[in-house]
Amino acid sequence: LDKNTVVFSVTDTGIGIAPEDIERIFEEFIQVNSHLQKRVK
């Protein structure tokens, strides 16, 4: 709870995201290259 809002959070221990890619992932059809890219669609 934060005043009149609820803050949901999802935390993982995965591969993470580089600082330069943080804003890009919210662009349409953008997927960050990684060694898991071929395995996950």
PDB file of all heavy atoms in Angstrom:
ATOM      1  N   LEU A   1       0.834  -1.200   0.000  1.00  0.00           N
ATOM      2  CA  LEU A   1       0.000   0.000   0.000  1.00  0.00           C
ATOM      3  C   LEU A   1       0.869   1.250   0.000  1.00  0.00           C
ATOM      4  O   LEU A   1       1.874   1.310   0.702  1.00  0.00           O
ATOM      5  CB  LEU A   1      -0.902   0.024   1.232  1.00  0.00           C
ATOM      6  CG  LEU A   1      -2.208  -0.770   1.162  1.00  0.00           C
ATOM      7  CD1 LEU A   1      -2.912  -0.739   2.504  1.00  0.00           C
ATOM      8  CD2 LEU A   1      -3.122  -0.220   0.079  1.00  0.00           C
ATOM      9  N   ASP A   2       0.474   2.236  -0.783  1.00  0.00           N
ATOM     10  CA  ASP A   2       1.169   3.525  -0.805  1.00  0.00           C
ATOM     11  C   ASP A   2       0.119   4.621  -0.944  1.00  0.00           C
ATOM     12  O   ASP A   2      -0.307   4.953  -2.044  1.00  0.00           O
ATOM     13  CB  ASP A   2       2.167   3.578  -1.960  1.00  0.00           C
ATOM     14  CG  ASP A   2       2.966   4.873  -1.972  1.00  0.00           C
ATOM     15  OD1 ASP A   2       2.919   5.598  -0.957  1.00  0.00           O
ATOM     16  OD2 ASP A   2       3.617   5.165  -2.986  1.00  0.00           O
ATOM     17  N   LYS A   3      -0.328   5.141   0.221  1.00  0.00           N
ATOM     18  CA  LYS A   3      -1.397   6.148   0.275  1.00  0.00           C
ATOM     19  C   LYS A   3      -2.657   5.602  -0.397  1.00  0.00           C
ATOM     20  O   LYS A   3      -3.223   4.630   0.071  1.00  0.00           O
ATOM     21  CB  LYS A   3      -0.920   7.458  -0.375  1.00  0.00           C
ATOM     22  CG  LYS A   3       0.224   8.120   0.374  1.00  0.00           C
ATOM     23  CD  LYS A   3       0.634   9.427  -0.276  1.00  0.00           C
ATOM     24  CE  LYS A   3       1.790  10.053   0.482  1.00  0.00           C
ATOM     25  NZ  LYS A   3       2.267  11.304  -0.137  1.00  0.00           N
ATOM     26  N   ASN A   4      -3.080   6.185  -1.518  1.00  0.00           N
ATOM     27  CA  ASN A   4      -4.315   5.767  -2.175  1.00  0.00           C
ATOM     28  C   ASN A   4      -4.057   4.839  -3.356  1.00  0.00           C
ATOM     29  O   ASN A   4      -4.917   4.700  -4.227  1.00  0.00           O
ATOM     30  CB  ASN A   4      -5.103   6.995  -2.649  1.00  0.00           C
ATOM     31  CG  ASN A   4      -5.573   7.840  -1.494  1.00  0.00           C
ATOM     32  OD1 ASN A   4      -5.954   7.315  -0.447  1.00  0.00           O
ATOM     33  ND2 ASN A   4      -5.547   9.153  -1.672  1.00  0.00           N
ATOM     34  N   THR A   5      -2.890   4.242  -3.407  1.00  0.00           N
ATOM     35  CA  THR A   5      -2.558   3.333  -4.507  1.00  0.00           C
ATOM     36  C   THR A   5      -2.014   2.020  -3.953  1.00  0.00           C
ATOM     37  O   THR A   5      -1.587   1.944  -2.807  1.00  0.00           O
ATOM     38  CB  THR A   5      -1.500   3.958  -5.439  1.00  0.00           C
ATOM     39  OG1 THR A   5      -0.287   4.172  -4.701  1.00  0.00           O
ATOM     40  CG2 THR A   5      -1.980   5.272  -6.026  1.00  0.00           C
ATOM     41  N   VAL A   6      -2.050   0.992  -4.803  1.00  0.00           N
ATOM     42  CA  VAL A   6      -1.414  -0.280  -4.480  1.00  0.00           C
ATOM     43  C   VAL A   6      -0.293  -0.487  -5.500  1.00  0.00           C
ATOM     44  O   VAL A   6      -0.483  -0.280  -6.704  1.00  0.00           O
ATOM     45  CB  VAL A   6      -2.425  -1.448  -4.512  1.00  0.00           C
ATOM     46  CG1 VAL A   6      -3.150  -1.534  -5.839  1.00  0.00           C
ATOM     47  CG2 VAL A   6      -1.734  -2.770  -4.199  1.00  0.00           C
ATOM     48  N   VAL A   7       0.894  -0.846  -5.005  1.00  0.00           N
ATOM     49  CA  VAL A   7       2.054  -1.055  -5.864  1.00  0.00           C
ATOM     50  C   VAL A   7       2.313  -2.559  -5.965  1.00  0.00           C
ATOM     51  O   VAL A   7       2.727  -3.194  -4.988  1.00  0.00           O
ATOM     52  CB  VAL A   7       3.303  -0.334  -5.318  1.00  0.00           C
ATOM     53  CG1 VAL A   7       4.484  -0.555  -6.255  1.00  0.00           C
ATOM     54  CG2 VAL A   7       3.031   1.152  -5.138  1.00  0.00           C
ATOM     55  N   PHE A   8       2.005  -3.112  -7.141  1.00  0.00           N
ATOM     56  CA  PHE A   8       2.311  -4.519  -7.405  1.00  0.00           C
ATOM     57  C   PHE A   8       3.740  -4.606  -7.924  1.00  0.00           C
ATOM     58  O   PHE A   8       4.169  -3.771  -8.745  1.00  0.00           O
ATOM     59  CB  PHE A   8       1.355  -5.094  -8.453  1.00  0.00           C
ATOM     60  CG  PHE A   8      -0.078  -5.160  -8.013  1.00  0.00           C
ATOM     61  CD1 PHE A   8      -0.993  -4.197  -8.410  1.00  0.00           C
ATOM     62  CD2 PHE A   8      -0.515  -6.191  -7.199  1.00  0.00           C
ATOM     63  CE1 PHE A   8      -2.314  -4.255  -8.015  1.00  0.00           C
ATOM     64  CE2 PHE A   8      -1.839  -6.267  -6.795  1.00  0.00           C
ATOM     65  CZ  PHE A   8      -2.741  -5.296  -7.197  1.00  0.00           C
ATOM     66  N   SER A   9       4.490  -5.608  -7.483  1.00  0.00           N
ATOM     67  CA  SER A   9       5.855  -5.794  -7.980  1.00  0.00           C
ATOM     68  C   SER A   9       6.093  -7.263  -8.287  1.00  0.00           C
ATOM     69  O   SER A   9       5.603  -8.150  -7.579  1.00  0.00           O
ATOM     70  CB  SER A   9       6.881  -5.293  -6.958  1.00  0.00           C
ATOM     71  OG  SER A   9       6.792  -6.030  -5.758  1.00  0.00           O
ATOM     72  N   VAL A  10       6.846  -7.500  -9.367  1.00  0.00           N
ATOM     73  CA  VAL A  10       7.239  -8.851  -9.773  1.00  0.00           C
ATOM     74  C   VAL A  10       8.764  -8.851  -9.872  1.00  0.00           C
ATOM     75  O   VAL A  10       9.335  -8.172 -10.735  1.00  0.00           O
ATOM     76  CB  VAL A  10       6.598  -9.242 -11.118  1.00  0.00           C
ATOM     77  CG1 VAL A  10       7.082 -10.630 -11.544  1.00  0.00           C
ATOM     78  CG2 VAL A  10       5.079  -9.209 -11.022  1.00  0.00           C
ATOM     79  N   THR A  11       9.417  -9.595  -8.970  1.00  0.00           N
ATOM     80  CA  THR A  11      10.879  -9.630  -8.894  1.00  0.00           C
ATOM     81  C   THR A  11      11.378 -10.995  -9.319  1.00  0.00           C
ATOM     82  O   THR A  11      10.848 -12.029  -8.883  1.00  0.00           O
ATOM     83  CB  THR A  11      11.355  -9.333  -7.462  1.00  0.00           C
ATOM     84  OG1 THR A  11      10.817  -8.072  -7.046  1.00  0.00           O
ATOM     85  CG2 THR A  11      12.874  -9.278  -7.387  1.00  0.00           C
ATOM     86  N   ASP A  12      12.408 -11.004 -10.197  1.00  0.00           N
ATOM     87  CA  ASP A  12      12.982 -12.285 -10.634  1.00  0.00           C
ATOM     88  C   ASP A  12      14.486 -12.277 -10.408  1.00  0.00           C
ATOM     89  O   ASP A  12      15.092 -11.233 -10.143  1.00  0.00           O
ATOM     90  CB  ASP A  12      12.646 -12.544 -12.107  1.00  0.00           C
ATOM     91  CG  ASP A  12      13.246 -11.516 -13.050  1.00  0.00           C
ATOM     92  OD1 ASP A  12      14.489 -11.377 -13.066  1.00  0.00           O
ATOM     93  OD2 ASP A  12      12.486 -10.831 -13.777  1.00  0.00           O
ATOM     94  N   THR A  13      15.079 -13.457 -10.528  1.00  0.00           N
ATOM     95  CA  THR A  13      16.546 -13.610 -10.408  1.00  0.00           C
ATOM     96  C   THR A  13      17.117 -14.004 -11.761  1.00  0.00           C
ATOM     97  O   THR A  13      18.041 -14.811 -11.838  1.00  0.00           O
ATOM     98  CB  THR A  13      16.882 -14.681  -9.351  1.00  0.00           C
ATOM     99  OG1 THR A  13      16.217 -15.910  -9.709  1.00  0.00           O
ATOM    100  CG2 THR A  13      16.421 -14.248  -7.979  1.00  0.00           C
ATOM    101  N   GLY A  14      16.549 -13.414 -12.797  1.00  0.00           N
ATOM    102  CA  GLY A  14      16.917 -13.801 -14.154  1.00  0.00           C
ATOM    103  C   GLY A  14      18.111 -13.058 -14.705  1.00  0.00           C
ATOM    104  O   GLY A  14      18.973 -12.577 -13.953  1.00  0.00           O
ATOM    105  N   ILE A  15      18.108 -12.882 -16.033  1.00  0.00           N
ATOM    106  CA  ILE A  15      19.283 -12.349 -16.725  1.00  0.00           C
ATOM    107  C   ILE A  15      19.394 -10.828 -16.604  1.00  0.00           C
ATOM    108  O   ILE A  15      20.440 -10.250 -16.884  1.00  0.00           O
ATOM    109  CB  ILE A  15      19.277 -12.756 -18.209  1.00  0.00           C
ATOM    110  CG1 ILE A  15      18.022 -12.204 -18.901  1.00  0.00           C
ATOM    111  CG2 ILE A  15      19.349 -14.273 -18.346  1.00  0.00           C
ATOM    112  CD1 ILE A  15      17.987 -12.461 -20.399  1.00  0.00           C
ATOM    113  N   GLY A  16      18.298 -10.176 -16.186  1.00  0.00           N
ATOM    114  CA  GLY A  16      18.340  -8.719 -16.040  1.00  0.00           C
ATOM    115  C   GLY A  16      18.338  -7.997 -17.384  1.00  0.00           C
ATOM    116  O   GLY A  16      18.339  -8.621 -18.458  1.00  0.00           O
ATOM    117  N   ILE A  17      18.338  -6.686 -17.311  1.00  0.00           N
ATOM    118  CA  ILE A  17      18.267  -5.847 -18.516  1.00  0.00           C
ATOM    119  C   ILE A  17      19.338  -4.767 -18.411  1.00  0.00           C
ATOM    120  O   ILE A  17      19.495  -4.129 -17.362  1.00  0.00           O
ATOM    121  CB  ILE A  17      16.873  -5.190 -18.653  1.00  0.00           C
ATOM    122  CG1 ILE A  17      15.781  -6.274 -18.687  1.00  0.00           C
ATOM    123  CG2 ILE A  17      16.785  -4.315 -19.898  1.00  0.00           C
ATOM    124  CD1 ILE A  17      14.385  -5.726 -18.523  1.00  0.00           C
ATOM    125  N   ALA A  18      20.066  -4.567 -19.494  1.00  0.00           N
ATOM    126  CA  ALA A  18      21.103  -3.529 -19.518  1.00  0.00           C
ATOM    127  C   ALA A  18      20.457  -2.145 -19.424  1.00  0.00           C
ATOM    128  O   ALA A  18      19.335  -1.940 -19.903  1.00  0.00           O
ATOM    129  CB  ALA A  18      21.922  -3.643 -20.798  1.00  0.00           C
ATOM    130  N   PRO A  19      21.153  -1.152 -18.806  1.00  0.00           N
ATOM    131  CA  PRO A  19      20.566   0.197 -18.639  1.00  0.00           C
ATOM    132  C   PRO A  19      20.099   0.820 -19.947  1.00  0.00           C
ATOM    133  O   PRO A  19      19.060   1.481 -19.989  1.00  0.00           O
ATOM    134  CB  PRO A  19      21.711   1.006 -18.015  1.00  0.00           C
ATOM    135  CG  PRO A  19      22.564  -0.008 -17.320  1.00  0.00           C
ATOM    136  CD  PRO A  19      22.475  -1.258 -18.152  1.00  0.00           C
ATOM    137  N   GLU A  20      20.857   0.592 -21.039  1.00  0.00           N
ATOM    138  CA  GLU A  20      20.488   1.219 -22.313  1.00  0.00           C
ATOM    139  C   GLU A  20      19.242   0.599 -22.938  1.00  0.00           C
ATOM    140  O   GLU A  20      18.651   1.163 -23.872  1.00  0.00           O
ATOM    141  CB  GLU A  20      21.660   1.152 -23.306  1.00  0.00           C
ATOM    142  CG  GLU A  20      22.103  -0.247 -23.689  1.00  0.00           C
ATOM    143  CD  GLU A  20      23.176  -0.805 -22.755  1.00  0.00           C
ATOM    144  OE1 GLU A  20      23.380  -0.235 -21.653  1.00  0.00           O
ATOM    145  OE2 GLU A  20      23.823  -1.783 -23.160  1.00  0.00           O
ATOM    146  N   ASP A  21      18.828  -0.572 -22.436  1.00  0.00           N
ATOM    147  CA  ASP A  21      17.659  -1.252 -23.013  1.00  0.00           C
ATOM    148  C   ASP A  21      16.399  -1.070 -22.180  1.00  0.00           C
ATOM    149  O   ASP A  21      15.319  -1.533 -22.591  1.00  0.00           O
ATOM    150  CB  ASP A  21      17.946  -2.754 -23.164  1.00  0.00           C
ATOM    151  CG  ASP A  21      19.018  -3.041 -24.205  1.00  0.00           C
ATOM    152  OD1 ASP A  21      19.051  -2.303 -25.212  1.00  0.00           O
ATOM    153  OD2 ASP A  21      19.813  -3.979 -24.003  1.00  0.00           O
ATOM    154  N   ILE A  22      16.495  -0.406 -21.028  1.00  0.00           N
ATOM    155  CA  ILE A  22      15.340  -0.329 -20.119  1.00  0.00           C
ATOM    156  C   ILE A  22      14.164   0.400 -20.754  1.00  0.00           C
ATOM    157  O   ILE A  22      13.018  -0.048 -20.653  1.00  0.00           O
ATOM    158  CB  ILE A  22      15.765   0.327 -18.786  1.00  0.00           C
ATOM    159  CG1 ILE A  22      16.566  -0.689 -17.958  1.00  0.00           C
ATOM    160  CG2 ILE A  22      14.543   0.796 -18.002  1.00  0.00           C
ATOM    161  CD1 ILE A  22      17.054  -0.159 -16.631  1.00  0.00           C
ATOM    162  N   GLU A  23      14.413   1.515 -21.437  1.00  0.00           N
ATOM    163  CA  GLU A  23      13.309   2.239 -22.079  1.00  0.00           C
ATOM    164  C   GLU A  23      12.854   1.558 -23.364  1.00  0.00           C
ATOM    165  O   GLU A  23      11.676   1.613 -23.719  1.00  0.00           O
ATOM    166  CB  GLU A  23      13.708   3.693 -22.357  1.00  0.00           C
ATOM    167  CG  GLU A  23      13.608   4.602 -21.151  1.00  0.00           C
ATOM    168  CD  GLU A  23      12.214   4.623 -20.535  1.00  0.00           C
ATOM    169  OE1 GLU A  23      11.220   4.698 -21.290  1.00  0.00           O
ATOM    170  OE2 GLU A  23      12.111   4.539 -19.302  1.00  0.00           O
ATOM    171  N   ARG A  24      13.771   0.885 -24.048  1.00  0.00           N
ATOM    172  CA  ARG A  24      13.439   0.247 -25.327  1.00  0.00           C
ATOM    173  C   ARG A  24      12.421  -0.872 -25.170  1.00  0.00           C
ATOM    174  O   ARG A  24      11.635  -1.130 -26.083  1.00  0.00           O
ATOM    175  CB  ARG A  24      14.705  -0.301 -25.994  1.00  0.00           C
ATOM    176  CG  ARG A  24      15.664   0.761 -26.488  1.00  0.00           C
ATOM    177  CD  ARG A  24      16.880   0.143 -27.171  1.00  0.00           C
ATOM    178  NE  ARG A  24      16.496  -0.621 -28.358  1.00  0.00           N
ATOM    179  CZ  ARG A  24      16.720  -1.912 -28.533  1.00  0.00           C
ATOM    180  NH1 ARG A  24      17.306  -2.619 -27.570  1.00  0.00           N
ATOM    181  NH2 ARG A  24      16.349  -2.525 -29.636  1.00  0.00           N
ATOM    182  N   ILE A  25      12.447  -1.570 -24.016  1.00  0.00           N
ATOM    183  CA  ILE A  25      11.562  -2.729 -23.873  1.00  0.00           C
ATOM    184  C   ILE A  25      10.093  -2.317 -23.838  1.00  0.00           C
ATOM    185  O   ILE A  25       9.209  -3.170 -24.016  1.00  0.00           O
ATOM    186  CB  ILE A  25      11.900  -3.545 -22.605  1.00  0.00           C
ATOM    187  CG1 ILE A  25      11.706  -2.690 -21.349  1.00  0.00           C
ATOM    188  CG2 ILE A  25      13.303  -4.113 -22.687  1.00  0.00           C
ATOM    189  CD1 ILE A  25      11.867  -3.462 -20.065  1.00  0.00           C
ATOM    190  N   PHE A  26       9.804  -1.026 -23.623  1.00  0.00           N
ATOM    191  CA  PHE A  26       8.413  -0.571 -23.630  1.00  0.00           C
ATOM    192  C   PHE A  26       7.980  -0.074 -25.009  1.00  0.00           C
ATOM    193  O   PHE A  26       6.879   0.447 -25.156  1.00  0.00           O
ATOM    194  CB  PHE A  26       8.214   0.532 -22.586  1.00  0.00           C
ATOM    195  CG  PHE A  26       8.287   0.029 -21.171  1.00  0.00           C
ATOM    196  CD1 PHE A  26       9.422   0.239 -20.400  1.00  0.00           C
ATOM    197  CD2 PHE A  26       7.234  -0.681 -20.624  1.00  0.00           C
ATOM    198  CE1 PHE A  26       9.490  -0.228 -19.099  1.00  0.00           C
ATOM    199  CE2 PHE A  26       7.303  -1.164 -19.323  1.00  0.00           C
ATOM    200  CZ  PHE A  26       8.434  -0.942 -18.561  1.00  0.00           C
ATOM    201  N   GLU A  27       8.859  -0.237 -26.014  1.00  0.00           N
ATOM    202  CA  GLU A  27       8.491   0.089 -27.385  1.00  0.00           C
ATOM    203  C   GLU A  27       7.893  -1.151 -28.047  1.00  0.00           C
ATOM    204  O   GLU A  27       8.263  -2.281 -27.738  1.00  0.00           O
ATOM    205  CB  GLU A  27       9.713   0.569 -28.171  1.00  0.00           C
ATOM    206  CG  GLU A  27      10.323   1.854 -27.624  1.00  0.00           C
ATOM    207  CD  GLU A  27      11.601   2.246 -28.369  1.00  0.00           C
ATOM    208  OE1 GLU A  27      11.835   1.668 -29.456  1.00  0.00           O
ATOM    209  OE2 GLU A  27      12.350   3.094 -27.861  1.00  0.00           O
ATOM    210  N   GLU A  28       6.977  -0.904 -28.966  1.00  0.00           N
ATOM    211  CA  GLU A  28       6.273  -2.014 -29.610  1.00  0.00           C
ATOM    212  C   GLU A  28       7.232  -2.848 -30.475  1.00  0.00           C
ATOM    213  O   GLU A  28       8.070  -2.299 -31.198  1.00  0.00           O
ATOM    214  CB  GLU A  28       5.123  -1.474 -30.469  1.00  0.00           C
ATOM    215  CG  GLU A  28       4.064  -0.759 -29.636  1.00  0.00           C
ATOM    216  CD  GLU A  28       3.083   0.024 -30.482  1.00  0.00           C
ATOM    217  OE1 GLU A  28       3.014  -0.257 -31.699  1.00  0.00           O
ATOM    218  OE2 GLU A  28       2.397   0.908 -29.949  1.00  0.00           O
ATOM    219  N   PHE A  29       7.084  -4.165 -30.383  1.00  0.00           N
ATOM    220  CA  PHE A  29       7.822  -5.160 -31.176  1.00  0.00           C
ATOM    221  C   PHE A  29       9.318  -5.202 -30.861  1.00  0.00           C
ATOM    222  O   PHE A  29      10.094  -5.752 -31.630  1.00  0.00           O
ATOM    223  CB  PHE A  29       7.633  -4.920 -32.691  1.00  0.00           C
ATOM    224  CG  PHE A  29       6.199  -4.921 -33.132  1.00  0.00           C
ATOM    225  CD1 PHE A  29       5.564  -3.750 -33.481  1.00  0.00           C
ATOM    226  CD2 PHE A  29       5.483  -6.109 -33.191  1.00  0.00           C
ATOM    227  CE1 PHE A  29       4.240  -3.738 -33.880  1.00  0.00           C
ATOM    228  CE2 PHE A  29       4.151  -6.115 -33.583  1.00  0.00           C
ATOM    229  CZ  PHE A  29       3.522  -4.926 -33.935  1.00  0.00           C
ATOM    230  N   ILE A  30       9.720  -4.605 -29.739  1.00  0.00           N
ATOM    231  CA  ILE A  30      11.136  -4.626 -29.352  1.00  0.00           C
ATOM    232  C   ILE A  30      11.390  -5.784 -28.399  1.00  0.00           C
ATOM    233  O   ILE A  30      10.687  -5.950 -27.399  1.00  0.00           O
ATOM    234  CB  ILE A  30      11.555  -3.298 -28.693  1.00  0.00           C
ATOM    235  CG1 ILE A  30      11.473  -2.157 -29.693  1.00  0.00           C
ATOM    236  CG2 ILE A  30      12.967  -3.396 -28.123  1.00  0.00           C
ATOM    237  CD1 ILE A  30      12.423  -2.274 -30.857  1.00  0.00           C
ATOM    238  N   GLN A  31      12.401  -6.596 -28.730  1.00  0.00           N
ATOM    239  CA  GLN A  31      12.836  -7.671 -27.850  1.00  0.00           C
ATOM    240  C   GLN A  31      14.345  -7.576 -27.696  1.00  0.00           C
ATOM    241  O   GLN A  31      15.078  -7.446 -28.688  1.00  0.00           O
ATOM    242  CB  GLN A  31      12.449  -9.038 -28.416  1.00  0.00           C
ATOM    243  CG  GLN A  31      10.944  -9.290 -28.383  1.00  0.00           C
ATOM    244  CD  GLN A  31      10.583 -10.665 -28.916  1.00  0.00           C
ATOM    245  OE1 GLN A  31      11.030 -11.068 -29.984  1.00  0.00           O
ATOM    246  NE2 GLN A  31       9.774 -11.399 -28.165  1.00  0.00           N
ATOM    247  N   VAL A  32      14.828  -7.639 -26.447  1.00  0.00           N
ATOM    248  CA  VAL A  32      16.255  -7.490 -26.167  1.00  0.00           C
ATOM    249  C   VAL A  32      16.968  -8.805 -26.493  1.00  0.00           C
ATOM    250  O   VAL A  32      16.509  -9.891 -26.115  1.00  0.00           O
ATOM    251  CB  VAL A  32      16.479  -7.120 -24.687  1.00  0.00           C
ATOM    252  CG1 VAL A  32      17.968  -7.004 -24.389  1.00  0.00           C
ATOM    253  CG2 VAL A  32      15.764  -5.808 -24.365  1.00  0.00           C
ATOM    254  N   ASN A  33      18.070  -8.689 -27.204  1.00  0.00           N
ATOM    255  CA  ASN A  33      18.841  -9.891 -27.565  1.00  0.00           C
ATOM    256  C   ASN A  33      19.495 -10.498 -26.324  1.00  0.00           C
ATOM    257  O   ASN A  33      20.047  -9.796 -25.486  1.00  0.00           O
ATOM    258  CB  ASN A  33      19.924  -9.535 -28.588  1.00  0.00           C
ATOM    259  CG  ASN A  33      19.323  -9.163 -29.935  1.00  0.00           C
ATOM    260  OD1 ASN A  33      18.300  -9.721 -30.323  1.00  0.00           O
ATOM    261  ND2 ASN A  33      19.946  -8.232 -30.639  1.00  0.00           N
ATOM    262  N   SER A  34      19.410 -11.822 -26.231  1.00  0.00           N
ATOM    263  CA  SER A  34      20.049 -12.541 -25.129  1.00  0.00           C
ATOM    264  C   SER A  34      20.260 -13.992 -25.561  1.00  0.00           C
ATOM    265  O   SER A  34      19.738 -14.437 -26.591  1.00  0.00           O
ATOM    266  CB  SER A  34      19.181 -12.478 -23.869  1.00  0.00           C
ATOM    267  OG  SER A  34      18.015 -13.270 -24.043  1.00  0.00           O
ATOM    268  N   HIS A  35      20.993 -14.758 -24.739  1.00  0.00           N
ATOM    269  CA  HIS A  35      21.252 -16.148 -25.089  1.00  0.00           C
ATOM    270  C   HIS A  35      19.998 -17.011 -24.929  1.00  0.00           C
ATOM    271  O   HIS A  35      19.950 -18.150 -25.404  1.00  0.00           O
ATOM    272  CB  HIS A  35      22.387 -16.711 -24.213  1.00  0.00           C
ATOM    273  CG  HIS A  35      22.035 -16.786 -22.752  1.00  0.00           C
ATOM    274  ND1 HIS A  35      22.093 -15.683 -21.922  1.00  0.00           N
ATOM    275  CD2 HIS A  35      21.607 -17.830 -21.989  1.00  0.00           C
ATOM    276  CE1 HIS A  35      21.738 -16.034 -20.698  1.00  0.00           C
ATOM    277  NE2 HIS A  35      21.434 -17.347 -20.711  1.00  0.00           N
ATOM    278  N   LEU A  36      18.946 -16.454 -24.287  1.00  0.00           N
ATOM    279  CA  LEU A  36      17.694 -17.202 -24.135  1.00  0.00           C
ATOM    280  C   LEU A  36      16.697 -16.906 -25.254  1.00  0.00           C
ATOM    281  O   LEU A  36      15.618 -17.507 -25.280  1.00  0.00           O
ATOM    282  CB  LEU A  36      17.040 -16.851 -22.789  1.00  0.00           C
ATOM    283  CG  LEU A  36      17.820 -17.207 -21.513  1.00  0.00           C
ATOM    284  CD1 LEU A  36      17.070 -16.721 -20.286  1.00  0.00           C
ATOM    285  CD2 LEU A  36      18.041 -18.713 -21.436  1.00  0.00           C
ATOM    286  N   GLN A  37      17.058 -15.972 -26.146  1.00  0.00           N
ATOM    287  CA  GLN A  37      16.101 -15.505 -27.143  1.00  0.00           C
ATOM    288  C   GLN A  37      15.591 -16.631 -28.040  1.00  0.00           C
ATOM    289  O   GLN A  37      14.417 -16.661 -28.409  1.00  0.00           O
ATOM    290  CB  GLN A  37      16.743 -14.403 -28.006  1.00  0.00           C
ATOM    291  CG  GLN A  37      15.745 -13.538 -28.755  1.00  0.00           C
ATOM    292  CD  GLN A  37      14.886 -12.728 -27.796  1.00  0.00           C
ATOM    293  OE1 GLN A  37      15.391 -12.140 -26.870  1.00  0.00           O
ATOM    294  NE2 GLN A  37      13.589 -12.738 -28.006  1.00  0.00           N
ATOM    295  N   LYS A  38      16.469 -17.579 -28.395  1.00  0.00           N
ATOM    296  CA  LYS A  38      16.049 -18.659 -29.294  1.00  0.00           C
ATOM    297  C   LYS A  38      15.106 -19.631 -28.588  1.00  0.00           C
ATOM    298  O   LYS A  38      14.264 -20.254 -29.227  1.00  0.00           O
ATOM    299  CB  LYS A  38      17.276 -19.399 -29.824  1.00  0.00           C
ATOM    300  CG  LYS A  38      18.125 -18.555 -30.752  1.00  0.00           C
ATOM    301  CD  LYS A  38      19.315 -19.347 -31.285  1.00  0.00           C
ATOM    302  CE  LYS A  38      20.171 -18.506 -32.224  1.00  0.00           C
ATOM    303  NZ  LYS A  38      21.334 -19.254 -32.746  1.00  0.00           N
ATOM    304  N   ARG A  39      15.285 -19.777 -27.272  1.00  0.00           N
ATOM    305  CA  ARG A  39      14.473 -20.748 -26.537  1.00  0.00           C
ATOM    306  C   ARG A  39      13.086 -20.214 -26.218  1.00  0.00           C
ATOM    307  O   ARG A  39      12.112 -20.958 -26.213  1.00  0.00           O
ATOM    308  CB  ARG A  39      15.198 -21.141 -25.244  1.00  0.00           C
ATOM    309  CG  ARG A  39      14.447 -22.155 -24.395  1.00  0.00           C
ATOM    310  CD  ARG A  39      15.326 -22.721 -23.304  1.00  0.00           C
ATOM    311  NE  ARG A  39      15.721 -21.721 -22.325  1.00  0.00           N
ATOM    312  CZ  ARG A  39      14.963 -21.359 -21.291  1.00  0.00           C
ATOM    313  NH1 ARG A  39      13.775 -21.888 -21.114  1.00  0.00           N
ATOM    314  NH2 ARG A  39      15.404 -20.450 -20.436  1.00  0.00           N
ATOM    315  N   VAL A  40      12.998 -18.888 -25.911  1.00  0.00           N
ATOM    316  CA  VAL A  40      11.706 -18.299 -25.537  1.00  0.00           C
ATOM    317  C   VAL A  40      11.182 -17.465 -26.695  1.00  0.00           C
ATOM    318  O   VAL A  40      11.943 -16.842 -27.430  1.00  0.00           O
ATOM    319  CB  VAL A  40      11.834 -17.435 -24.268  1.00  0.00           C
ATOM    320  CG1 VAL A  40      12.241 -18.291 -23.102  1.00  0.00           C
ATOM    321  CG2 VAL A  40      12.822 -16.289 -24.466  1.00  0.00           C
ATOM    322  N   LYS A  41       9.889 -17.489 -26.868  1.00  0.00           N
ATOM    323  CA  LYS A  41       9.249 -16.737 -27.941  1.00  0.00           C
ATOM    324  C   LYS A  41       8.353 -15.660 -27.336  1.00  0.00           C
ATOM    325  O   LYS A  41       7.801 -15.827 -26.252  1.00  0.00           O
ATOM    326  CB  LYS A  41       8.414 -17.672 -28.828  1.00  0.00           C
ATOM    327  CG  LYS A  41       9.225 -18.785 -29.480  1.00  0.00           C
ATOM    328  CD  LYS A  41      10.197 -18.232 -30.502  1.00  0.00           C
ATOM    329  CE  LYS A  41      10.963 -19.358 -31.198  1.00  0.00           C
ATOM    330  NZ  LYS A  41      11.971 -18.840 -32.145  1.00  0.00           N
TER     331      LYS A  41
END
